[in-house]
């Protein structure tokens, strides 16, 4: 799969947008964090897990 392929790039952009939307929704549940990574870490901690990096 070529990373310069327009379909791959579009899929990546769609995934990034979906993750941004998810982290925005998670903030509504009073999770802390300013960046998507920080919000995901707070979500993982809230559920007794650690976020993958």
PDB file of N, CA and C in Angstrom:
ATOM      1  N   UNK A   1       0.851  -1.163   0.000  1.00  0.00           N
ATOM      2  CA  UNK A   1       0.000   0.000   0.000  1.00  0.00           C
ATOM      3  C   UNK A   1       0.904   1.236   0.000  1.00  0.00           C
ATOM      4  N   UNK A   2       0.698   2.093  -0.909  1.00  0.00           N
ATOM      5  CA  UNK A   2       1.514   3.289  -1.057  1.00  0.00           C
ATOM      6  C   UNK A   2       0.933   4.413  -0.206  1.00  0.00           C
ATOM      7  N   UNK A   3       1.740   4.964   0.691  1.00  0.00           N
ATOM      8  CA  UNK A   3       1.237   6.025   1.574  1.00  0.00           C
ATOM      9  C   UNK A   3       0.902   7.296   0.829  1.00  0.00           C
ATOM     10  N   UNK A   4       1.363   7.412  -0.410  1.00  0.00           N
ATOM     11  CA  UNK A   4       1.033   8.584  -1.208  1.00  0.00           C
ATOM     12  C   UNK A   4      -0.241   8.385  -2.018  1.00  0.00           C
ATOM     13  N   UNK A   5      -0.778   7.188  -1.947  1.00  0.00           N
ATOM     14  CA  UNK A   5      -2.019   6.878  -2.650  1.00  0.00           C
ATOM     15  C   UNK A   5      -3.125   7.781  -2.109  1.00  0.00           C
ATOM     16  N   UNK A   6      -3.886   8.444  -2.980  1.00  0.00           N
ATOM     17  CA  UNK A   6      -4.945   9.344  -2.522  1.00  0.00           C
ATOM     18  C   UNK A   6      -5.963   8.663  -1.605  1.00  0.00           C
ATOM     19  N   UNK A   7      -6.283   7.421  -1.867  1.00  0.00           N
ATOM     20  CA  UNK A   7      -7.234   6.696  -1.023  1.00  0.00           C
ATOM     21  C   UNK A   7      -6.699   6.484   0.375  1.00  0.00           C
ATOM     22  N   UNK A   8      -5.420   6.186   0.481  1.00  0.00           N
ATOM     23  CA  UNK A   8      -4.796   5.982   1.784  1.00  0.00           C
ATOM     24  C   UNK A   8      -4.753   7.309   2.543  1.00  0.00           C
ATOM     25  N   UNK A   9      -4.401   8.367   1.844  1.00  0.00           N
ATOM     26  CA  UNK A   9      -4.356   9.689   2.477  1.00  0.00           C
ATOM     27  C   UNK A   9      -5.745  10.100   2.967  1.00  0.00           C
ATOM     28  N   UNK A  10      -6.763   9.861   2.154  1.00  0.00           N
ATOM     29  CA  UNK A  10      -8.129  10.203   2.544  1.00  0.00           C
ATOM     30  C   UNK A  10      -8.555   9.398   3.762  1.00  0.00           C
ATOM     31  N   UNK A  11      -8.235   8.114   3.767  1.00  0.00           N
ATOM     32  CA  UNK A  11      -8.574   7.272   4.920  1.00  0.00           C
ATOM     33  C   UNK A  11      -7.900   7.785   6.184  1.00  0.00           C
ATOM     34  N   UNK A  12      -6.653   8.202   6.056  1.00  0.00           N
ATOM     35  CA  UNK A  12      -5.928   8.747   7.208  1.00  0.00           C
ATOM     36  C   UNK A  12      -6.568  10.026   7.729  1.00  0.00           C
ATOM     37  N   UNK A  13      -6.977  10.884   6.811  1.00  0.00           N
ATOM     38  CA  UNK A  13      -7.641  12.133   7.199  1.00  0.00           C
ATOM     39  C   UNK A  13      -8.974  11.855   7.873  1.00  0.00           C
ATOM     40  N   UNK A  14      -9.711  10.879   7.358  1.00  0.00           N
ATOM     41  CA  UNK A  14     -11.002  10.520   7.957  1.00  0.00           C
ATOM     42  C   UNK A  14     -10.807   9.929   9.351  1.00  0.00           C
ATOM     43  N   UNK A  15      -9.798   9.107   9.514  1.00  0.00           N
ATOM     44  CA  UNK A  15      -9.510   8.524  10.823  1.00  0.00           C
ATOM     45  C   UNK A  15      -9.118   9.612  11.813  1.00  0.00           C
ATOM     46  N   UNK A  16      -8.270  10.527  11.392  1.00  0.00           N
ATOM     47  CA  UNK A  16      -7.855  11.623  12.264  1.00  0.00           C
ATOM     48  C   UNK A  16      -9.064  12.462  12.691  1.00  0.00           C
ATOM     49  N   UNK A  17      -9.949  12.748  11.760  1.00  0.00           N
ATOM     50  CA  UNK A  17     -11.147  13.531  12.077  1.00  0.00           C
ATOM     51  C   UNK A  17     -12.046  12.773  13.063  1.00  0.00           C
ATOM     52  N   UNK A  18     -12.189  11.469  12.865  1.00  0.00           N
ATOM     53  CA  UNK A  18     -13.018  10.659  13.761  1.00  0.00           C
ATOM     54  C   UNK A  18     -12.423  10.623  15.170  1.00  0.00           C
ATOM     55  N   UNK A  19     -11.107  10.516  15.273  1.00  0.00           N
ATOM     56  CA  UNK A  19     -10.469  10.500  16.588  1.00  0.00           C
ATOM     57  C   UNK A  19     -10.594  11.858  17.278  1.00  0.00           C
ATOM     58  N   UNK A  20     -10.485  12.936  16.519  1.00  0.00           N
ATOM     59  CA  UNK A  20     -10.699  14.269  17.092  1.00  0.00           C
ATOM     60  C   UNK A  20     -12.116  14.413  17.615  1.00  0.00           C
ATOM     61  N   UNK A  21     -13.082  13.927  16.859  1.00  0.00           N
ATOM     62  CA  UNK A  21     -14.478  13.995  17.292  1.00  0.00           C
ATOM     63  C   UNK A  21     -14.702  13.154  18.547  1.00  0.00           C
ATOM     64  N   UNK A  22     -14.106  11.959  18.569  1.00  0.00           N
ATOM     65  CA  UNK A  22     -14.239  11.091  19.743  1.00  0.00           C
ATOM     66  C   UNK A  22     -13.659  11.753  20.978  1.00  0.00           C
ATOM     67  N   UNK A  23     -12.462  12.317  20.869  1.00  0.00           N
ATOM     68  CA  UNK A  23     -11.863  12.949  22.044  1.00  0.00           C
ATOM     69  C   UNK A  23     -12.674  14.162  22.489  1.00  0.00           C
ATOM     70  N   UNK A  24     -13.278  14.846  21.552  1.00  0.00           N
ATOM     71  CA  UNK A  24     -14.145  15.972  21.899  1.00  0.00           C
ATOM     72  C   UNK A  24     -15.344  15.480  22.704  1.00  0.00           C
ATOM     73  N   UNK A  25     -15.941  14.376  22.284  1.00  0.00           N
ATOM     74  CA  UNK A  25     -17.078  13.796  23.003  1.00  0.00           C
ATOM     75  C   UNK A  25     -16.657  13.292  24.383  1.00  0.00           C
ATOM     76  N   UNK A  26     -15.465  12.705  24.464  1.00  0.00           N
ATOM     77  CA  UNK A  26     -14.992  12.184  25.745  1.00  0.00           C
ATOM     78  C   UNK A  26     -14.787  13.303  26.756  1.00  0.00           C
ATOM     79  N   UNK A  27     -14.409  14.492  26.284  1.00  0.00           N
ATOM     80  CA  UNK A  27     -14.254  15.622  27.195  1.00  0.00           C
ATOM     81  C   UNK A  27     -15.582  15.960  27.867  1.00  0.00           C
ATOM     82  N   UNK A  28     -16.680  15.677  27.213  1.00  0.00           N
ATOM     83  CA  UNK A  28     -18.007  15.920  27.797  1.00  0.00           C
ATOM     84  C   UNK A  28     -18.241  15.069  29.045  1.00  0.00           C
ATOM     85  N   UNK A  29     -17.474  14.006  29.198  1.00  0.00           N
ATOM     86  CA  UNK A  29     -17.599  13.130  30.362  1.00  0.00           C
ATOM     87  C   UNK A  29     -16.612  13.532  31.455  1.00  0.00           C
ATOM     88  N   UNK A  30     -16.187  14.778  31.409  1.00  0.00           N
ATOM     89  CA  UNK A  30     -15.293  15.374  32.403  1.00  0.00           C
ATOM     90  C   UNK A  30     -13.919  14.707  32.456  1.00  0.00           C
ATOM     91  N   UNK A  31     -13.455  14.240  31.328  1.00  0.00           N
ATOM     92  CA  UNK A  31     -12.087  13.727  31.273  1.00  0.00           C
ATOM     93  C   UNK A  31     -11.149  14.907  31.088  1.00  0.00           C
ATOM     94  N   UNK A  32      -9.992  14.823  31.709  1.00  0.00           N
ATOM     95  CA  UNK A  32      -9.040  15.911  31.603  1.00  0.00           C
ATOM     96  C   UNK A  32      -8.143  15.730  30.389  1.00  0.00           C
ATOM     97  N   UNK A  33      -7.502  16.784  30.014  1.00  0.00           N
ATOM     98  CA  UNK A  33      -6.558  16.726  28.907  1.00  0.00           C
ATOM     99  C   UNK A  33      -6.870  17.782  27.871  1.00  0.00           C
ATOM    100  N   UNK A  34      -5.822  18.320  27.299  1.00  0.00           N
ATOM    101  CA  UNK A  34      -5.966  19.339  26.277  1.00  0.00           C
ATOM    102  C   UNK A  34      -5.823  18.751  24.874  1.00  0.00           C
ATOM    103  N   UNK A  35      -4.937  17.785  24.732  1.00  0.00           N
ATOM    104  CA  UNK A  35      -4.696  17.172  23.428  1.00  0.00           C
ATOM    105  C   UNK A  35      -5.460  15.854  23.332  1.00  0.00           C
ATOM    106  N   UNK A  36      -5.685  15.368  22.119  1.00  0.00           N
ATOM    107  CA  UNK A  36      -6.338  14.055  21.987  1.00  0.00           C
ATOM    108  C   UNK A  36      -5.593  12.954  22.750  1.00  0.00           C
ATOM    109  N   UNK A  37      -4.274  12.994  22.728  1.00  0.00           N
ATOM    110  CA  UNK A  37      -3.498  11.969  23.438  1.00  0.00           C
ATOM    111  C   UNK A  37      -3.755  12.030  24.941  1.00  0.00           C
ATOM    112  N   UNK A  38      -3.807  13.242  25.494  1.00  0.00           N
ATOM    113  CA  UNK A  38      -4.065  13.389  26.923  1.00  0.00           C
ATOM    114  C   UNK A  38      -5.468  12.917  27.298  1.00  0.00           C
ATOM    115  N   UNK A  39      -6.435  13.194  26.448  1.00  0.00           N
ATOM    116  CA  UNK A  39      -7.810  12.757  26.711  1.00  0.00           C
ATOM    117  C   UNK A  39      -7.885  11.231  26.662  1.00  0.00           C
ATOM    118  N   UNK A  40      -7.221  10.620  25.680  1.00  0.00           N
ATOM    119  CA  UNK A  40      -7.223   9.156  25.585  1.00  0.00           C
ATOM    120  C   UNK A  40      -6.530   8.527  26.785  1.00  0.00           C
ATOM    121  N   UNK A  41      -5.462   9.159  27.268  1.00  0.00           N
ATOM    122  CA  UNK A  41      -4.784   8.653  28.462  1.00  0.00           C
ATOM    123  C   UNK A  41      -5.706   8.731  29.676  1.00  0.00           C
ATOM    124  N   UNK A  42      -6.442   9.825  29.798  1.00  0.00           N
ATOM    125  CA  UNK A  42      -7.388   9.966  30.916  1.00  0.00           C
ATOM    126  C   UNK A  42      -8.499   8.928  30.806  1.00  0.00           C
ATOM    127  N   UNK A  43      -8.981   8.680  29.602  1.00  0.00           N
ATOM    128  CA  UNK A  43     -10.027   7.667  29.391  1.00  0.00           C
ATOM    129  C   UNK A  43      -9.505   6.288  29.787  1.00  0.00           C
ATOM    130  N   UNK A  44      -8.303   5.969  29.364  1.00  0.00           N
ATOM    131  CA  UNK A  44      -7.717   4.668  29.700  1.00  0.00           C
ATOM    132  C   UNK A  44      -7.560   4.533  31.211  1.00  0.00           C
ATOM    133  N   UNK A  45      -7.051   5.581  31.861  1.00  0.00           N
ATOM    134  CA  UNK A  45      -6.866   5.542  33.313  1.00  0.00           C
ATOM    135  C   UNK A  45      -8.196   5.381  34.038  1.00  0.00           C
ATOM    136  N   UNK A  46      -9.220   6.041  33.530  1.00  0.00           N
ATOM    137  CA  UNK A  46     -10.566   5.948  34.121  1.00  0.00           C
ATOM    138  C   UNK A  46     -11.084   4.510  34.091  1.00  0.00           C
ATOM    139  N   UNK A  47     -10.589   3.740  33.126  1.00  0.00           N
ATOM    140  CA  UNK A  47     -11.033   2.355  32.968  1.00  0.00           C
ATOM    141  C   UNK A  47      -9.973   1.347  33.405  1.00  0.00           C
ATOM    142  N   UNK A  48      -9.013   1.817  34.201  1.00  0.00           N
ATOM    143  CA  UNK A  48      -8.011   0.930  34.765  1.00  0.00           C
ATOM    144  C   UNK A  48      -7.007   0.406  33.761  1.00  0.00           C
ATOM    145  N   UNK A  49      -6.797   1.149  32.715  1.00  0.00           N
ATOM    146  CA  UNK A  49      -5.869   0.744  31.660  1.00  0.00           C
ATOM    147  C   UNK A  49      -4.818   1.814  31.452  1.00  0.00           C
ATOM    148  N   UNK A  50      -3.827   1.497  30.651  1.00  0.00           N
ATOM    149  CA  UNK A  50      -2.859   2.493  30.224  1.00  0.00           C
ATOM    150  C   UNK A  50      -2.998   2.656  28.716  1.00  0.00           C
ATOM    151  N   UNK A  51      -2.804   3.862  28.272  1.00  0.00           N
ATOM    152  CA  UNK A  51      -2.919   4.146  26.833  1.00  0.00           C
ATOM    153  C   UNK A  51      -1.683   3.623  26.117  1.00  0.00           C
ATOM    154  N   UNK A  52      -1.897   3.091  24.939  1.00  0.00           N
ATOM    155  CA  UNK A  52      -0.782   2.656  24.100  1.00  0.00           C
ATOM    156  C   UNK A  52      -0.174   3.867  23.434  1.00  0.00           C
ATOM    157  N   UNK A  53       1.115   3.814  23.247  1.00  0.00           N
ATOM    158  CA  UNK A  53       1.792   4.930  22.571  1.00  0.00           C
ATOM    159  C   UNK A  53       2.461   4.467  21.319  1.00  0.00           C
TER     160      UNK A  53
END
